[in-house]
Amino acid sequence: MTNICVFAGAQTGVDSCYRRAAEQLGKEIAARGYTLVYGGGRIGLMGYLAQSALDGGAEVTGVIPKFLTHRELLHQGLTRTIVVNDLFQRKARMIELSDAFIALPGGIGTLDELLEVIAWRQLKQLCKPIGVLDTDGYFGPWFDALKHAVAQGFIDAGQVDGIVRSANGDALLNALCPA
């Protein structure tokens, strides 16, 4: 596996631990010789992630819809930029290019992207590892909601159990991409 897709938002959150986690993950992706695939922006966690991967020598591919190239302030220093028509094409292209998926703490867009790959995997249209970087327990309440849906019979427990969860980027990459 060499292409790691990271879903991350254009916000940084209120605690600096999210920024540090994004930067550390970018550095670790670079140190392992992986290519980062992400949303193409230069602001928020996306920007910190991409810049730290670039600074570490990684190839970085950004996939961004045309209408966001100005709003998200497209990162100009990427190895490769792919401009698509809309968010649907963005997700499809990122999924196509990637060997594994990681979600950083984020908002609606990040959760949408994460749920998309989980849904694809549930429908057996995707057979790639999925993980979350659970910085400072960010995803705890989200997993509680998923477990509630399991208890109510709406989600198979295996779908939730199949999501790799770690507070440490190095350990998460080890679990998603074993040597």
Protein backbone atom coordinates (compact mmCIF):
# COMPACT_ATOMS: atom_id res chain seq x y z
CA MET A 1 0.00 0.00 0.00
CA THR A 2 1.33 3.37 -0.90
CA ASN A 3 -1.60 5.76 -1.36
CA ILE A 4 -3.13 6.85 1.93
CA CYS A 5 -6.28 8.94 1.69
CA VAL A 6 -6.83 11.23 4.64
CA PHE A 7 -10.17 12.95 5.13
CA ALA A 8 -9.60 16.24 6.92
CA GLY A 9 -11.42 19.53 7.15
CA ALA A 10 -10.73 23.13 6.33
CA GLN A 11 -11.00 23.99 10.05
CA THR A 12 -8.44 23.35 12.79
CA GLY A 13 -10.76 22.85 15.76
CA VAL A 14 -10.50 24.58 19.11
CA ASP A 15 -7.65 22.53 20.56
CA SER A 16 -4.12 22.61 19.13
CA CYS A 17 -3.87 18.83 19.63
CA TYR A 18 -5.79 18.37 16.35
CA ARG A 19 -3.26 20.43 14.42
CA ARG A 20 -0.36 18.54 16.00
CA ALA A 21 -1.99 15.19 15.17
CA ALA A 22 -2.51 16.23 11.53
CA GLU A 23 1.10 17.39 11.24
CA GLN A 24 2.44 14.23 12.87
CA LEU A 25 0.37 12.02 10.56
CA GLY A 26 1.69 13.91 7.52
CA LYS A 27 5.27 13.43 8.74
CA GLU A 28 4.70 9.72 9.34
CA ILE A 29 3.16 9.24 5.89
CA ALA A 30 6.26 10.87 4.41
CA ALA A 31 8.67 8.87 6.58
CA ARG A 32 7.12 5.62 5.33
CA GLY A 33 7.37 6.67 1.69
CA TYR A 34 3.60 6.73 1.19
CA THR A 35 1.71 9.12 -1.06
CA LEU A 36 -0.91 11.30 0.63
CA VAL A 37 -4.25 11.69 -1.16
CA TYR A 38 -6.46 14.39 0.35
CA GLY A 39 -8.91 17.19 -0.42
CA GLY A 40 -6.46 19.69 -1.93
CA GLY A 41 -6.87 22.65 0.44
CA ARG A 42 -4.15 24.63 2.17
CA ILE A 43 -6.16 25.74 5.22
CA GLY A 44 -7.34 23.92 8.33
CA LEU A 45 -6.24 20.41 9.16
CA MET A 46 -6.02 19.68 5.43
CA GLY A 47 -3.35 22.30 5.03
CA TYR A 48 -1.31 21.24 8.05
CA LEU A 49 -1.47 17.60 7.02
CA ALA A 50 -0.43 18.27 3.43
CA GLN A 51 2.34 20.70 4.28
CA SER A 52 3.92 18.39 6.84
CA ALA A 53 3.80 15.50 4.33
CA LEU A 54 5.38 17.70 1.66
CA ASP A 55 8.02 18.97 4.10
CA GLY A 56 8.87 15.33 4.84
CA GLY A 57 9.36 14.59 1.15
CA ALA A 58 6.08 12.79 0.43
CA GLU A 59 4.22 12.98 -2.83
CA VAL A 60 0.88 14.65 -2.20
CA THR A 61 -2.15 14.45 -4.48
CA GLY A 62 -4.97 16.90 -3.86
CA VAL A 63 -8.44 16.29 -5.29
CA ILE A 64 -10.63 19.37 -5.18
CA PRO A 65 -13.88 20.47 -6.84
CA LYS A 66 -13.55 23.52 -9.04
CA PHE A 67 -15.98 25.54 -6.93
CA LEU A 68 -13.72 25.11 -3.86
CA THR A 69 -10.43 26.06 -5.49
CA HIS A 70 -10.83 29.65 -4.26
CA ARG A 71 -12.87 29.03 -1.09
CA GLU A 72 -10.50 26.43 0.33
CA LEU A 73 -7.53 28.26 -1.07
CA LEU A 74 -6.10 25.45 -3.16
CA HIS A 75 -2.65 24.38 -1.99
CA GLN A 76 -0.29 25.49 -4.77
CA GLY A 77 2.67 23.33 -3.80
CA LEU A 78 1.23 19.86 -4.30
CA THR A 79 2.92 17.14 -6.29
CA ARG A 80 -0.32 16.61 -8.20
CA THR A 81 -3.63 18.46 -8.25
CA ILE A 82 -6.80 17.00 -9.70
CA VAL A 83 -9.69 19.44 -10.20
CA VAL A 84 -13.10 17.79 -10.52
CA ASN A 85 -16.62 19.13 -11.06
CA ASP A 86 -18.24 18.42 -7.69
CA LEU A 87 -17.99 16.73 -4.30
CA PHE A 88 -19.33 13.43 -5.64
CA GLN A 89 -16.50 13.25 -8.18
CA ARG A 90 -14.02 14.29 -5.50
CA LYS A 91 -14.95 11.38 -3.24
CA ALA A 92 -15.03 8.90 -6.11
CA ARG A 93 -11.60 10.00 -7.35
CA MET A 94 -10.06 9.92 -3.88
CA ILE A 95 -11.46 6.43 -3.32
CA GLU A 96 -10.18 5.28 -6.71
CA LEU A 97 -6.66 6.56 -6.03
CA SER A 98 -6.29 5.21 -2.51
CA ASP A 99 -5.23 1.98 -0.82
CA ALA A 100 -6.37 2.89 2.71
CA PHE A 101 -8.44 5.63 4.38
CA ILE A 102 -7.98 7.68 7.53
CA ALA A 103 -10.32 10.30 8.95
CA LEU A 104 -8.96 13.05 11.15
CA PRO A 105 -11.27 14.82 13.57
CA GLY A 106 -13.49 17.05 11.49
CA GLY A 107 -16.91 18.29 10.60
CA ILE A 108 -19.74 17.32 8.30
CA GLY A 109 -17.60 16.99 5.17
CA THR A 110 -15.06 14.74 6.89
CA LEU A 111 -17.78 12.57 8.41
CA ASP A 112 -19.55 12.40 5.03
CA GLU A 113 -16.37 11.14 3.37
CA LEU A 114 -15.75 8.62 6.14
CA LEU A 115 -19.31 7.30 6.02
CA GLU A 116 -19.10 7.05 2.23
CA VAL A 117 -16.18 4.62 2.34
CA ILE A 118 -17.81 2.66 5.16
CA ALA A 119 -21.00 2.37 3.10
CA TRP A 120 -19.04 1.29 0.01
CA ARG A 121 -17.30 -1.38 2.08
CA GLN A 122 -20.59 -2.55 3.58
CA LEU A 123 -21.99 -2.97 0.05
CA LYS A 124 -18.83 -4.89 -0.92
CA GLN A 125 -17.82 -2.24 -3.45
CA LEU A 126 -14.64 -1.49 -1.53
CA CYS A 127 -12.17 -3.82 0.17
CA LYS A 128 -9.66 -1.41 1.66
CA PRO A 129 -8.81 -0.63 5.30
CA ILE A 130 -10.52 2.30 7.02
CA GLY A 131 -9.38 4.01 10.21
CA VAL A 132 -9.87 7.06 12.36
CA LEU A 133 -7.24 9.07 14.17
CA ASP A 134 -9.08 9.40 17.46
CA THR A 135 -7.21 12.43 18.74
CA ASP A 136 -8.19 13.30 22.31
CA GLY A 137 -11.15 10.89 22.10
CA TYR A 138 -12.81 12.98 19.38
CA PHE A 139 -14.55 10.00 17.75
CA GLY A 140 -15.84 8.49 21.03
CA PRO A 141 -19.35 9.98 20.81
CA TRP A 142 -19.52 9.06 17.11
CA PHE A 143 -18.70 5.44 17.90
CA ASP A 144 -21.32 5.53 20.66
CA ALA A 145 -23.91 6.56 18.04
CA LEU A 146 -22.79 3.75 15.73
CA LYS A 147 -23.00 1.22 18.58
CA HIS A 148 -26.52 2.45 19.32
CA ALA A 149 -27.46 1.82 15.68
CA VAL A 150 -25.97 -1.68 16.01
CA ALA A 151 -28.01 -2.31 19.17
CA GLN A 152 -31.14 -1.16 17.36
CA GLY A 153 -30.49 -3.52 14.45
CA PHE A 154 -29.64 -0.94 11.78
CA ILE A 155 -25.92 -1.65 11.39
CA ASP A 156 -24.06 -4.96 11.47
CA ALA A 157 -21.55 -4.96 14.33
CA GLY A 158 -18.83 -6.12 11.95
CA GLN A 159 -19.04 -2.86 10.06
CA VAL A 160 -18.24 -0.87 13.19
CA ASP A 161 -15.66 -3.36 14.47
CA GLY A 162 -13.90 -3.17 11.09
CA ILE A 163 -13.00 0.50 11.57
CA VAL A 164 -9.47 0.78 12.96
CA ARG A 165 -9.33 3.34 15.75
CA SER A 166 -6.22 4.78 17.36
CA ALA A 167 -5.15 7.99 19.05
CA ASN A 168 -1.66 7.57 17.61
CA GLY A 169 -0.94 8.10 13.90
CA ASP A 170 2.03 5.73 13.87
CA ALA A 171 -0.01 2.93 15.45
CA LEU A 172 -2.92 3.63 13.12
CA LEU A 173 -0.71 3.37 10.04
CA ASN A 174 0.81 0.15 11.43
CA ALA A 175 -2.67 -1.34 11.80
CA LEU A 176 -3.90 -0.18 8.37
CA CYS A 177 -0.72 -0.97 6.44
CA PRO A 178 1.08 -3.88 8.09
CA ALA A 179 4.58 -4.48 6.77
